[in-house]
Amino acid sequence: LLNALALGVLLAFWAVFFYQHSPPLYYAYVLFPVYFWLEVIKQMAWVREALSLCLTSSRPKWHLPALVVVYVGMLEAMVYGYFDRRLYSLELILMGLGWVLSLPRAFRASHALAIAGWIAGCVVTAIFTMLPVLKAKSAELALSGGLAITLSGLAIFSQRGRFIFPASDQNYTQTAAPKVVARIARRDSALLLFQVAVIGVSTVVVYITQCSIDSGNKSSLPSRWLLWTILLASPAVPFVQLSYYKRLDLNPHFLHRLVSIYLAFATPFIILSISYEPWFYLCFSGVLMMWLAMERASYQFDLEMSLAAPTSQALGYQLATPSYAAPVAGGNRNTNGRYKRTYNVIIDEADDNKETQASLAGESSLQQQQQQQPKHRPLTVRDARTALFFLLFISIAFFGTGNVASMASFNLSSVFRLVTVFRPFLMAVILIFKILIPFILLSAVFGVLNQCLNLPPFSLFLVVLSTTDIMTLNFFFLVRDEGSWLDIGMSISHFCISSLFVLLSIVLFVLSHVLVGRVLVAQPLSSYRDKKRT
């Protein structure tokens, strides 16, 4: 019946178009709205069930409408950030602090260091969207940023034991011999140090070449060959490394994978920088890593708290799953600052044998919960926050080093280090590659985050895709057909950028799966069971 009704509506529209002598494209345009609303009507039962669950939730009734208002308000702020980049700074700080304040007090107490790093990353990254769009060339500033990235690489190398075959993960020993693991660990350590050395060398070569260009000379042929070799070879390292792991049927640790991508794309970004861009790359990478750590810790904490309810009643006593206790005198914190887990066992009969059976019953119940857990969890309201942060970070990647819609981001000074003859097509490709590097890093972090949150592939992409139309509609109504050519051109360019945002999102999500591949991420219930056993 619904299909027949939809067909009738479609034929009615086509009759009106035929009567009005409309162009042939009108007949195709009306197909999607009719199909869309047909599917909406077919899914009305699911929509009513979702609304009933929201209305019968234990949260206050104003909670969901407030979330919708905040979400739409943040999207509107992103729209007007196209006209004033400083709004992104304010939005990043407010969203970062608002998220921290909305977290439970126990989480804030047990993850104080991660929260401090997250707030610091938001504040430092917010500085770049407050800087002038037209930035002056500064070889010294680019040199200092490159050296800072090199030092960060050395700091990462000193902590390589935490992500290159970490001893806490037993997944490798189950699929590979210890000798193979040791050999791969040595090779990855050497490769990591080589990437850091390449960043340092490229930083020095870029500074020397830029000083030569500023003095009126062209870049020398050896320096051009060296920079071209580094520019082409460095981004290929993560793909070569991933293919090596695939041949051995092993999965790298997710931190190892992200570090490799971070160092690989830092080199071309430094080569194509003229001012503070390396500093932006360093701070933007840091805030993305802190975002990943906070999201992962928050999901783990929520899962543990959801399991902190009584799980079994056996033999006359009740076994409660671990819960975070409040701090008391006598020190119930671990050495790392987190709260110890306390187990409340109510025993009717003091019998050691029964106590052992209770422990086994609780362990069996937890194993049953893990076995019953689906491979991927469904989307929840909290995932809307993750999608909103992703949209915000895309905007900051767009405007962090200038305005993509202006000529400031297309300065040819950095290209002259590689090309001495004016070649528009080659220069445009190089500059577009530089602009896309922050998005590549963001897509890698987002791909890992999707696995850490145990979500189905492309599920967050659907959340992002369903909300970007709000921004596109704003730019559609802001398109101007009067005034100066600059105002008309800027309004059209903003609408085109927002319309192409859907395509960019698809490319980013596909790129995240290609870049990240299969990585080792500890499953929350598995790690929770291991902690409970200890």
Protein backbone atom coordinates (compact mmCIF):
# COMPACT_ATOMS: atom_id res chain seq x y z
CA LEU A 1 0.00 0.00 0.00
CA LEU A 2 2.78 2.43 0.91
CA ASN A 3 4.67 1.64 -2.28
CA ALA A 4 1.54 2.26 -4.35
CA LEU A 5 0.97 5.56 -2.51
CA ALA A 6 4.58 6.64 -3.12
CA LEU A 7 4.26 5.76 -6.80
CA GLY A 8 1.08 7.84 -6.99
CA VAL A 9 2.80 10.82 -5.41
CA LEU A 10 5.73 10.47 -7.81
CA LEU A 11 3.42 10.34 -10.82
CA ALA A 12 1.57 13.40 -9.53
CA PHE A 13 4.82 15.37 -9.34
CA TRP A 14 5.78 14.25 -12.84
CA ALA A 15 2.37 15.34 -14.14
CA VAL A 16 2.88 18.80 -12.63
CA PHE A 17 6.35 19.02 -14.18
CA PHE A 18 4.95 17.96 -17.56
CA TYR A 19 2.21 20.58 -17.34
CA GLN A 20 4.76 23.30 -16.43
CA HIS A 21 7.23 22.18 -19.14
CA SER A 22 9.93 21.73 -16.52
CA PRO A 23 13.48 20.59 -17.43
CA PRO A 24 14.14 16.81 -17.50
CA LEU A 25 16.33 17.01 -14.39
CA TYR A 26 13.28 17.92 -12.31
CA TYR A 27 11.92 14.42 -12.88
CA ALA A 28 15.12 12.97 -11.40
CA TYR A 29 15.31 15.45 -8.51
CA VAL A 30 11.95 14.37 -7.08
CA LEU A 31 12.93 10.68 -6.93
CA PHE A 32 15.04 10.96 -3.77
CA PRO A 33 12.54 12.92 -1.60
CA VAL A 34 9.80 10.45 -2.42
CA TYR A 35 12.02 7.47 -1.69
CA PHE A 36 13.36 9.08 1.51
CA TRP A 37 9.95 9.78 3.03
CA LEU A 38 8.73 6.35 1.97
CA GLU A 39 11.51 4.74 4.00
CA VAL A 40 10.80 7.08 6.94
CA ILE A 41 7.16 6.04 7.01
CA LYS A 42 8.16 2.38 6.81
CA GLN A 43 10.43 2.82 9.83
CA MET A 44 7.89 4.71 11.94
CA ALA A 45 7.57 1.77 14.33
CA TRP A 46 11.29 1.94 15.04
CA VAL A 47 11.10 5.73 15.45
CA ARG A 48 8.22 5.43 17.93
CA GLU A 49 10.12 2.78 19.89
CA ALA A 50 13.22 4.98 20.04
CA LEU A 51 11.19 7.94 21.24
CA SER A 52 9.45 5.83 23.87
CA LEU A 53 12.83 4.62 25.16
CA CYS A 54 14.01 8.20 25.42
CA LEU A 55 10.86 9.30 27.21
CA THR A 56 10.91 6.36 29.65
CA SER A 57 14.62 6.78 30.39
CA SER A 58 15.77 7.35 33.94
CA ARG A 59 17.26 10.67 32.90
CA PRO A 60 15.18 13.86 33.21
CA LYS A 61 12.83 14.53 30.32
CA TRP A 62 14.64 17.76 29.49
CA HIS A 63 17.93 15.90 28.98
CA LEU A 64 17.40 14.84 25.35
CA PRO A 65 15.97 18.19 24.15
CA ALA A 66 18.86 19.98 25.87
CA LEU A 67 21.35 17.74 24.05
CA VAL A 68 19.67 18.48 20.72
CA VAL A 69 19.79 22.22 21.39
CA VAL A 70 23.45 22.10 22.36
CA TYR A 71 24.33 19.95 19.34
CA VAL A 72 22.56 22.23 16.86
CA GLY A 73 24.02 25.30 18.60
CA MET A 74 27.55 23.96 18.17
CA LEU A 75 26.88 23.26 14.49
CA GLU A 76 25.63 26.83 14.05
CA ALA A 77 28.80 28.11 15.71
CA MET A 78 30.86 26.08 13.23
CA VAL A 79 28.92 27.72 10.38
CA TYR A 80 29.75 31.22 11.55
CA GLY A 81 33.32 30.15 12.18
CA TYR A 82 33.76 30.29 8.40
CA PHE A 83 33.43 34.06 8.71
CA ASP A 84 35.41 34.48 11.95
CA ARG A 85 37.99 31.80 12.76
CA ARG A 86 38.18 32.87 16.39
CA LEU A 87 34.84 31.18 17.06
CA TYR A 88 36.56 27.81 16.67
CA SER A 89 38.93 28.70 19.50
CA LEU A 90 36.06 29.56 21.79
CA GLU A 91 34.10 26.47 20.77
CA LEU A 92 37.05 24.12 21.31
CA ILE A 93 37.72 25.46 24.80
CA LEU A 94 34.04 25.43 25.80
CA MET A 95 33.45 21.92 24.48
CA GLY A 96 36.63 20.63 26.09
CA LEU A 97 35.80 22.09 29.49
CA GLY A 98 32.11 21.19 29.23
CA TRP A 99 32.95 17.57 28.55
CA VAL A 100 35.26 17.43 31.56
CA LEU A 101 32.65 18.99 33.86
CA SER A 102 30.01 16.52 32.69
CA LEU A 103 32.16 13.50 33.60
CA PRO A 104 31.58 11.70 36.92
CA ARG A 105 33.58 12.87 39.89
CA ALA A 106 35.20 9.46 40.30
CA PHE A 107 36.45 9.57 36.72
CA ARG A 108 37.91 13.05 37.15
CA ALA A 109 39.70 11.94 40.29
CA SER A 110 41.17 8.79 38.73
CA HIS A 111 42.16 10.37 35.40
CA ALA A 112 43.42 13.76 36.53
CA LEU A 113 46.57 13.60 34.40
CA ALA A 114 44.68 12.76 31.20
CA ILE A 115 42.15 15.53 31.87
CA ALA A 116 44.95 18.05 32.44
CA GLY A 117 46.58 17.03 29.17
CA TRP A 118 43.27 17.29 27.33
CA ILE A 119 42.54 20.79 28.65
CA ALA A 120 46.09 21.95 27.89
CA GLY A 121 45.85 20.54 24.36
CA CYS A 122 42.55 22.34 23.74
CA VAL A 123 43.90 25.67 24.99
CA VAL A 124 47.14 25.48 23.00
CA THR A 125 45.44 24.34 19.79
CA ALA A 126 42.85 27.11 20.14
CA ILE A 127 45.64 29.68 19.79
CA PHE A 128 46.20 28.93 16.10
CA THR A 129 42.70 29.87 14.94
CA MET A 130 43.19 33.23 16.66
CA LEU A 131 46.33 34.10 14.70
CA PRO A 132 46.16 36.33 11.59
CA VAL A 133 45.19 34.62 8.36
CA LEU A 134 47.96 36.31 6.37
CA LYS A 135 51.06 34.92 8.04
CA ALA A 136 54.54 36.25 7.29
CA LYS A 137 57.38 33.95 6.32
CA SER A 138 59.58 32.95 9.23
CA ALA A 139 62.30 30.35 8.67
CA GLU A 140 63.25 30.51 12.35
CA LEU A 141 59.70 29.69 13.47
CA ALA A 142 59.50 26.79 11.04
CA LEU A 143 62.90 25.55 12.26
CA SER A 144 61.85 25.67 15.91
CA GLY A 145 58.65 23.77 15.09
CA GLY A 146 60.56 21.09 13.21
CA LEU A 147 63.00 20.68 16.09
CA ALA A 148 60.07 20.42 18.52
CA ILE A 149 58.57 17.60 16.44
CA THR A 150 61.98 15.90 16.40
CA LEU A 151 62.20 16.12 20.20
CA SER A 152 58.68 14.69 20.47
CA GLY A 153 59.80 11.81 18.28
CA LEU A 154 62.77 11.16 20.57
CA ALA A 155 60.45 11.23 23.58
CA ILE A 156 58.19 8.71 21.87
CA PHE A 157 61.19 6.53 21.03
CA SER A 158 62.22 6.47 24.67
CA GLN A 159 58.77 5.05 25.54
CA ARG A 160 58.63 2.57 22.64
CA GLY A 161 58.32 -0.41 25.01
CA ARG A 162 54.76 0.64 25.78
CA PHE A 163 53.44 0.26 22.24
CA ILE A 164 55.92 -1.91 20.29
CA PHE A 165 54.83 -5.39 21.41
CA PRO A 166 53.93 -4.29 24.95
CA ALA A 167 54.50 -6.97 27.57
CA SER A 168 50.99 -6.46 28.96
CA ASP A 169 49.40 -7.79 25.75
CA GLN A 170 49.56 -11.53 25.24
CA ASN A 171 48.03 -11.57 21.76
CA TYR A 172 51.39 -11.76 20.03
CA THR A 173 52.70 -14.74 21.96
CA GLN A 174 49.63 -16.71 20.90
CA THR A 175 50.28 -16.27 17.16
CA ALA A 176 54.05 -15.72 16.82
CA ALA A 177 57.17 -17.25 18.26
CA PRO A 178 59.16 -15.19 20.79
CA LYS A 179 62.10 -14.98 18.38
CA VAL A 180 59.86 -13.54 15.67
CA VAL A 181 58.43 -11.01 18.10
CA ALA A 182 61.91 -9.95 19.22
CA ARG A 183 63.10 -9.57 15.63
CA ILE A 184 60.09 -7.44 14.66
CA ALA A 185 60.49 -5.33 17.79
CA ARG A 186 64.12 -4.58 16.91
CA ARG A 187 63.19 -3.74 13.34
CA ASP A 188 60.34 -1.44 14.39
CA SER A 189 62.55 0.31 16.94
CA ALA A 190 65.19 0.94 14.28
CA LEU A 191 62.51 2.17 11.85
CA LEU A 192 61.09 4.50 14.49
CA LEU A 193 64.51 6.00 15.17
CA PHE A 194 65.10 6.35 11.43
CA GLN A 195 61.84 8.31 11.05
CA VAL A 196 62.89 10.68 13.83
CA ALA A 197 66.31 11.16 12.19
CA VAL A 198 64.68 11.93 8.83
CA ILE A 199 62.53 14.61 10.49
CA GLY A 200 65.63 16.24 11.99
CA VAL A 201 67.54 16.14 8.69
CA SER A 202 64.62 17.55 6.70
CA THR A 203 64.21 20.38 9.23
CA VAL A 204 67.82 21.47 8.86
CA VAL A 205 67.81 21.12 5.06
CA VAL A 206 64.60 23.15 4.78
CA TYR A 207 66.08 25.95 6.91
CA ILE A 208 69.28 26.10 4.86
CA THR A 209 67.36 26.02 1.57
CA GLN A 210 64.94 28.74 2.70
CA CYS A 211 67.80 30.99 3.79
CA SER A 212 69.37 30.51 0.35
CA ILE A 213 66.09 31.41 -1.39
CA ASP A 214 65.60 34.48 0.80
CA SER A 215 69.07 35.73 -0.18
CA GLY A 216 68.08 35.68 -3.86
CA ASN A 217 69.51 32.30 -4.87
CA LYS A 218 67.72 29.22 -6.13
CA SER A 219 67.64 26.01 -4.16
CA SER A 220 70.56 23.78 -5.05
CA LEU A 221 70.07 20.60 -7.04
CA PRO A 222 71.29 18.24 -4.25
CA SER A 223 68.89 19.81 -1.74
CA ARG A 224 65.98 19.51 -4.18
CA TRP A 225 66.73 15.85 -4.83
CA LEU A 226 67.03 15.17 -1.10
CA LEU A 227 63.76 16.96 -0.29
CA TRP A 228 61.93 15.20 -3.12
CA THR A 229 63.20 11.82 -1.92
CA ILE A 230 62.09 12.49 1.65
CA LEU A 231 58.75 13.94 0.50
CA LEU A 232 57.87 10.83 -1.50
CA ALA A 233 59.43 8.13 0.70
CA SER A 234 58.33 9.22 4.16
CA PRO A 235 54.52 8.86 3.67
CA ALA A 236 55.07 5.37 2.25
CA VAL A 237 56.57 4.03 5.49
CA PRO A 238 53.23 3.27 7.26
CA PHE A 239 51.95 1.33 4.24
CA VAL A 240 55.14 -0.74 3.96
CA GLN A 241 55.04 -1.44 7.68
CA LEU A 242 51.38 -2.50 7.52
CA SER A 243 52.05 -4.89 4.63
CA TYR A 244 54.86 -6.48 6.66
CA TYR A 245 52.50 -7.14 9.55
CA LYS A 246 49.89 -8.59 7.20
CA ARG A 247 52.38 -11.09 5.83
CA LEU A 248 53.08 -12.27 9.37
CA ASP A 249 49.35 -12.30 10.23
CA LEU A 250 49.94 -9.94 13.17
CA ASN A 251 48.28 -6.71 14.22
CA PRO A 252 50.33 -3.74 15.43
CA HIS A 253 49.39 -1.94 18.62
CA PHE A 254 47.12 1.01 17.89
CA LEU A 255 49.55 3.48 19.50
CA HIS A 256 52.38 2.09 17.40
CA ARG A 257 50.31 2.59 14.28
CA LEU A 258 49.39 6.17 15.14
CA VAL A 259 52.98 7.07 16.03
CA SER A 260 54.19 5.72 12.69
CA ILE A 261 51.60 7.80 10.81
CA TYR A 262 52.38 10.90 12.88
CA LEU A 263 56.12 10.75 12.15
CA ALA A 264 55.66 9.77 8.50
CA PHE A 265 53.51 12.77 7.59
CA ALA A 266 55.39 15.24 9.80
CA THR A 267 58.28 15.28 7.34
CA PRO A 268 56.36 16.51 4.24
CA PHE A 269 54.47 19.00 6.41
CA ILE A 270 57.76 20.50 7.60
CA ILE A 271 59.15 20.61 4.06
CA LEU A 272 56.09 22.59 2.87
CA SER A 273 55.91 24.97 5.87
CA ILE A 274 56.81 28.66 5.82
CA SER A 275 55.95 29.77 9.35
CA TYR A 276 54.24 28.26 12.40
CA GLU A 277 52.69 25.26 10.58
CA PRO A 278 54.98 22.68 12.28
CA TRP A 279 53.86 23.97 15.67
CA PHE A 280 50.24 23.56 14.58
CA TYR A 281 50.95 20.00 13.45
CA LEU A 282 52.53 19.17 16.82
CA CYS A 283 49.71 20.69 18.91
CA PHE A 284 46.95 19.33 16.68
CA SER A 285 48.42 15.83 16.87
CA GLY A 286 48.70 16.13 20.65
CA VAL A 287 45.09 17.18 21.17
CA LEU A 288 43.91 14.36 18.88
CA MET A 289 45.84 11.81 20.93
CA MET A 290 44.42 13.22 24.16
CA TRP A 291 40.94 13.07 22.62
CA LEU A 292 41.49 9.40 21.82
CA ALA A 293 42.75 8.71 25.34
CA MET A 294 39.81 10.52 26.96
CA GLU A 295 37.19 8.81 24.81
CA ARG A 296 38.72 5.41 25.42
CA ALA A 297 39.01 5.95 29.17
CA SER A 298 35.46 7.32 29.39
CA TYR A 299 34.04 4.32 27.54
CA GLN A 300 35.99 1.92 29.74
CA PHE A 301 34.81 3.70 32.87
CA ASP A 302 31.16 3.68 31.78
CA LEU A 303 31.37 -0.02 30.99
CA GLU A 304 32.89 -0.84 34.36
CA MET A 305 30.27 1.19 36.17
CA SER A 306 27.50 -0.57 34.24
CA LEU A 307 28.91 -3.90 35.45
CA ALA A 308 29.15 -2.67 39.02
CA ALA A 309 25.68 -3.99 39.84
CA PRO A 310 25.06 -7.30 41.61
CA THR A 311 25.75 -10.08 39.11
CA SER A 312 24.94 -13.26 40.95
CA GLN A 313 23.30 -14.65 43.99
CA ALA A 314 24.52 -18.06 44.98
CA LEU A 315 24.45 -20.19 48.10
CA GLY A 316 22.85 -17.57 50.30
CA TYR A 317 25.21 -14.66 49.60
CA GLN A 318 25.36 -11.83 47.11
CA LEU A 319 28.45 -11.02 45.10
CA ALA A 320 28.80 -7.50 43.79
CA THR A 321 31.02 -6.66 40.86
CA PRO A 322 33.86 -4.22 41.39
CA SER A 323 32.99 -0.62 42.07
CA TYR A 324 35.10 2.46 42.63
CA ALA A 325 35.19 3.34 46.28
CA ALA A 326 35.45 6.85 47.64
CA PRO A 327 38.85 7.88 49.00
CA VAL A 328 39.25 7.23 52.69
CA ALA A 329 42.04 7.60 55.16
CA GLY A 330 44.31 4.63 54.96
CA GLY A 331 44.86 4.94 51.26
CA ASN A 332 42.58 2.91 49.06
CA ARG A 333 44.27 4.23 45.93
CA ASN A 334 46.73 2.35 43.80
CA THR A 335 50.20 3.69 43.11
CA ASN A 336 49.06 5.13 39.76
CA GLY A 337 46.44 7.31 41.44
CA ARG A 338 43.40 5.26 40.48
CA TYR A 339 40.91 3.98 42.99
CA LYS A 340 41.18 0.40 44.07
CA ARG A 341 38.24 -1.84 43.36
CA THR A 342 36.37 -3.16 46.37
CA TYR A 343 34.34 -6.37 46.45
CA ASN A 344 31.31 -6.51 48.70
CA VAL A 345 30.46 -10.10 49.64
CA ILE A 346 27.59 -10.72 52.07
CA ILE A 347 27.97 -14.15 53.59
CA ASP A 348 25.23 -15.82 55.57
CA GLU A 349 27.44 -18.66 56.72
CA ALA A 350 31.11 -18.25 57.40
CA ASP A 351 32.44 -21.02 55.27
CA ASP A 352 35.63 -20.78 53.27
CA ASN A 353 34.38 -23.34 50.78
CA LYS A 354 31.28 -21.31 50.06
CA GLU A 355 33.42 -18.17 49.66
CA THR A 356 35.44 -19.92 46.97
CA GLN A 357 32.27 -21.02 45.20
CA ALA A 358 31.00 -17.43 45.29
CA SER A 359 34.16 -16.17 43.63
CA LEU A 360 33.82 -18.80 40.93
CA ALA A 361 30.16 -17.92 40.43
CA GLY A 362 31.04 -14.24 39.94
CA GLU A 363 33.80 -15.14 37.47
CA SER A 364 31.45 -17.42 35.54
CA SER A 365 28.82 -14.68 35.38
CA LEU A 366 31.34 -12.21 34.02
CA GLN A 367 32.47 -14.71 31.39
CA GLN A 368 28.86 -15.26 30.34
CA GLN A 369 28.42 -11.50 29.96
CA GLN A 370 31.51 -11.36 27.79
CA GLN A 371 30.34 -14.26 25.62
CA GLN A 372 26.90 -12.72 25.22
CA GLN A 373 28.37 -9.35 24.25
CA PRO A 374 27.93 -8.76 20.49
CA LYS A 375 30.93 -8.10 18.31
CA HIS A 376 29.92 -4.45 18.01
CA ARG A 377 27.75 -2.39 20.29
CA PRO A 378 24.92 -0.18 19.00
CA LEU A 379 25.13 3.58 18.83
CA THR A 380 24.09 5.56 21.90
CA VAL A 381 23.45 9.21 22.69
CA ARG A 382 27.02 9.65 23.95
CA ASP A 383 28.35 8.89 20.46
CA ALA A 384 26.84 12.15 19.23
CA ARG A 385 29.53 13.93 21.27
CA THR A 386 32.23 11.99 19.45
CA ALA A 387 30.76 12.93 16.09
CA LEU A 388 30.54 16.57 17.14
CA PHE A 389 34.20 16.64 18.17
CA PHE A 390 35.09 15.09 14.81
CA LEU A 391 33.26 17.89 12.99
CA LEU A 392 35.01 20.48 15.13
CA PHE A 393 38.45 19.01 14.49
CA ILE A 394 37.77 18.97 10.75
CA SER A 395 36.99 22.68 10.93
CA ILE A 396 40.15 23.35 12.93
CA ALA A 397 42.17 21.35 10.38
CA PHE A 398 40.66 23.59 7.69
CA PHE A 399 41.35 26.89 9.41
CA GLY A 400 44.22 26.11 11.79
CA THR A 401 46.92 27.49 9.48
CA GLY A 402 44.82 29.99 7.52
CA ASN A 403 41.67 30.18 5.48
CA VAL A 404 41.21 27.43 2.91
CA ALA A 405 38.90 29.69 0.89
CA SER A 406 41.58 32.43 0.58
CA MET A 407 45.01 32.68 -1.02
CA ALA A 408 46.78 32.55 2.35
CA SER A 409 46.88 28.75 2.30
CA PHE A 410 48.25 28.69 -1.23
CA ASN A 411 51.54 30.49 -0.67
CA LEU A 412 54.08 29.31 -3.24
CA SER A 413 57.15 30.07 -1.14
CA SER A 414 57.47 26.54 0.19
CA VAL A 415 57.03 25.00 -3.28
CA PHE A 416 60.09 26.84 -4.63
CA ARG A 417 62.22 24.58 -2.44
CA LEU A 418 61.18 21.69 -4.69
CA VAL A 419 60.36 23.33 -8.03
CA THR A 420 62.37 26.21 -9.49
CA VAL A 421 60.30 26.54 -12.71
CA PHE A 422 56.69 27.70 -12.59
CA ARG A 423 54.53 24.60 -13.11
CA PRO A 424 50.96 25.34 -11.97
CA PHE A 425 49.61 21.79 -11.96
CA LEU A 426 52.54 20.30 -10.01
CA MET A 427 52.55 23.19 -7.54
CA ALA A 428 48.80 22.85 -6.97
CA VAL A 429 49.14 19.12 -6.27
CA ILE A 430 51.91 19.74 -3.74
CA LEU A 431 49.94 22.45 -1.93
CA ILE A 432 46.76 20.37 -1.81
CA PHE A 433 48.78 17.51 -0.33
CA LYS A 434 50.03 19.84 2.39
CA ILE A 435 46.49 20.99 3.20
CA LEU A 436 45.25 17.39 3.42
CA ILE A 437 47.93 16.19 5.87
CA PRO A 438 46.01 17.25 9.03
CA PHE A 439 42.94 15.47 7.68
CA ILE A 440 44.97 12.31 7.11
CA LEU A 441 46.09 12.37 10.74
CA LEU A 442 42.54 13.04 11.93
CA SER A 443 41.17 10.16 9.86
CA ALA A 444 43.74 7.76 11.35
CA VAL A 445 42.87 8.75 14.93
CA PHE A 446 39.16 8.53 14.17
CA GLY A 447 39.56 5.06 12.67
CA VAL A 448 41.33 3.84 15.80
CA LEU A 449 38.71 5.51 17.99
CA ASN A 450 35.94 3.66 16.17
CA GLN A 451 37.62 0.38 17.10
CA CYS A 452 38.31 1.46 20.68
CA LEU A 453 34.64 2.30 21.19
CA ASN A 454 33.64 -1.12 19.78
CA LEU A 455 31.37 0.43 17.17
CA PRO A 456 30.45 -1.05 13.78
CA PRO A 457 32.46 0.26 10.82
CA PHE A 458 31.15 3.52 9.36
CA SER A 459 28.55 3.89 12.13
CA LEU A 460 30.02 7.19 13.31
CA PHE A 461 30.25 8.23 9.69
CA LEU A 462 26.47 7.92 9.42
CA VAL A 463 26.06 10.13 12.50
CA VAL A 464 28.37 12.75 10.99
CA LEU A 465 26.68 12.51 7.61
CA SER A 466 23.21 12.93 9.09
CA THR A 467 24.14 16.21 10.79
CA THR A 468 26.25 17.95 8.14
CA ASP A 469 23.11 18.93 6.21
CA ILE A 470 22.36 21.43 8.97
CA MET A 471 25.54 23.32 8.06
CA THR A 472 24.89 22.98 4.33
CA LEU A 473 21.39 24.46 4.65
CA ASN A 474 22.82 27.45 6.50
CA PHE A 475 25.30 28.16 3.72
CA PHE A 476 22.58 27.65 1.10
CA PHE A 477 20.49 30.44 2.60
CA LEU A 478 23.59 32.61 3.05
CA VAL A 479 24.44 32.55 -0.67
CA ARG A 480 24.28 36.12 -1.99
CA ASP A 481 23.41 37.30 -5.50
CA GLU A 482 23.99 40.98 -4.83
CA GLY A 483 26.79 43.12 -3.47
CA SER A 484 30.46 43.02 -4.34
CA TRP A 485 31.99 40.18 -6.33
CA LEU A 486 34.06 39.28 -3.29
CA ASP A 487 30.99 38.79 -1.10
CA ILE A 488 29.18 36.81 -3.79
CA GLY A 489 32.24 34.63 -4.44
CA MET A 490 32.87 33.96 -0.75
CA SER A 491 29.25 32.95 -0.12
CA ILE A 492 29.33 30.56 -3.08
CA SER A 493 32.70 29.12 -2.04
CA HIS A 494 31.44 28.47 1.50
CA PHE A 495 28.39 26.65 0.15
CA CYS A 496 30.56 24.58 -2.19
CA ILE A 497 32.96 23.67 0.63
CA SER A 498 30.10 22.59 2.89
CA SER A 499 28.51 20.62 0.05
CA LEU A 500 31.78 18.86 -0.67
CA PHE A 501 32.07 18.10 3.03
CA VAL A 502 30.03 14.92 2.51
CA LEU A 503 32.50 13.71 -0.10
CA LEU A 504 35.42 14.65 2.12
CA SER A 505 33.89 12.71 5.02
CA ILE A 506 33.55 9.61 2.87
CA VAL A 507 37.16 9.91 1.71
CA LEU A 508 38.38 10.38 5.28
CA PHE A 509 36.55 7.33 6.58
CA VAL A 510 37.80 5.15 3.73
CA LEU A 511 41.30 6.53 4.25
CA SER A 512 41.15 5.72 7.95
CA HIS A 513 40.48 2.06 7.19
CA VAL A 514 43.31 1.97 4.64
CA LEU A 515 45.81 3.74 6.90
CA VAL A 516 44.99 2.06 10.19
CA GLY A 517 44.04 -1.43 9.03
CA ARG A 518 43.71 -4.00 11.80
CA VAL A 519 45.25 -2.85 15.05
CA LEU A 520 45.50 -4.37 18.50
CA VAL A 521 42.95 -2.80 20.82
CA ALA A 522 42.21 -4.43 24.16
CA GLN A 523 38.53 -5.29 24.49
CA PRO A 524 36.99 -3.56 27.53
CA LEU A 525 35.36 -6.65 29.03
CA SER A 526 38.52 -8.67 28.51
CA SER A 527 40.71 -6.13 30.25
CA TYR A 528 38.12 -5.75 32.98
CA ARG A 529 38.19 -9.52 33.61
CA ASP A 530 41.99 -9.51 33.75
CA LYS A 531 41.93 -6.70 36.31
CA LYS A 532 39.32 -8.55 38.36
CA ARG A 533 41.47 -11.67 38.46
CA THR A 534 44.39 -9.69 39.85
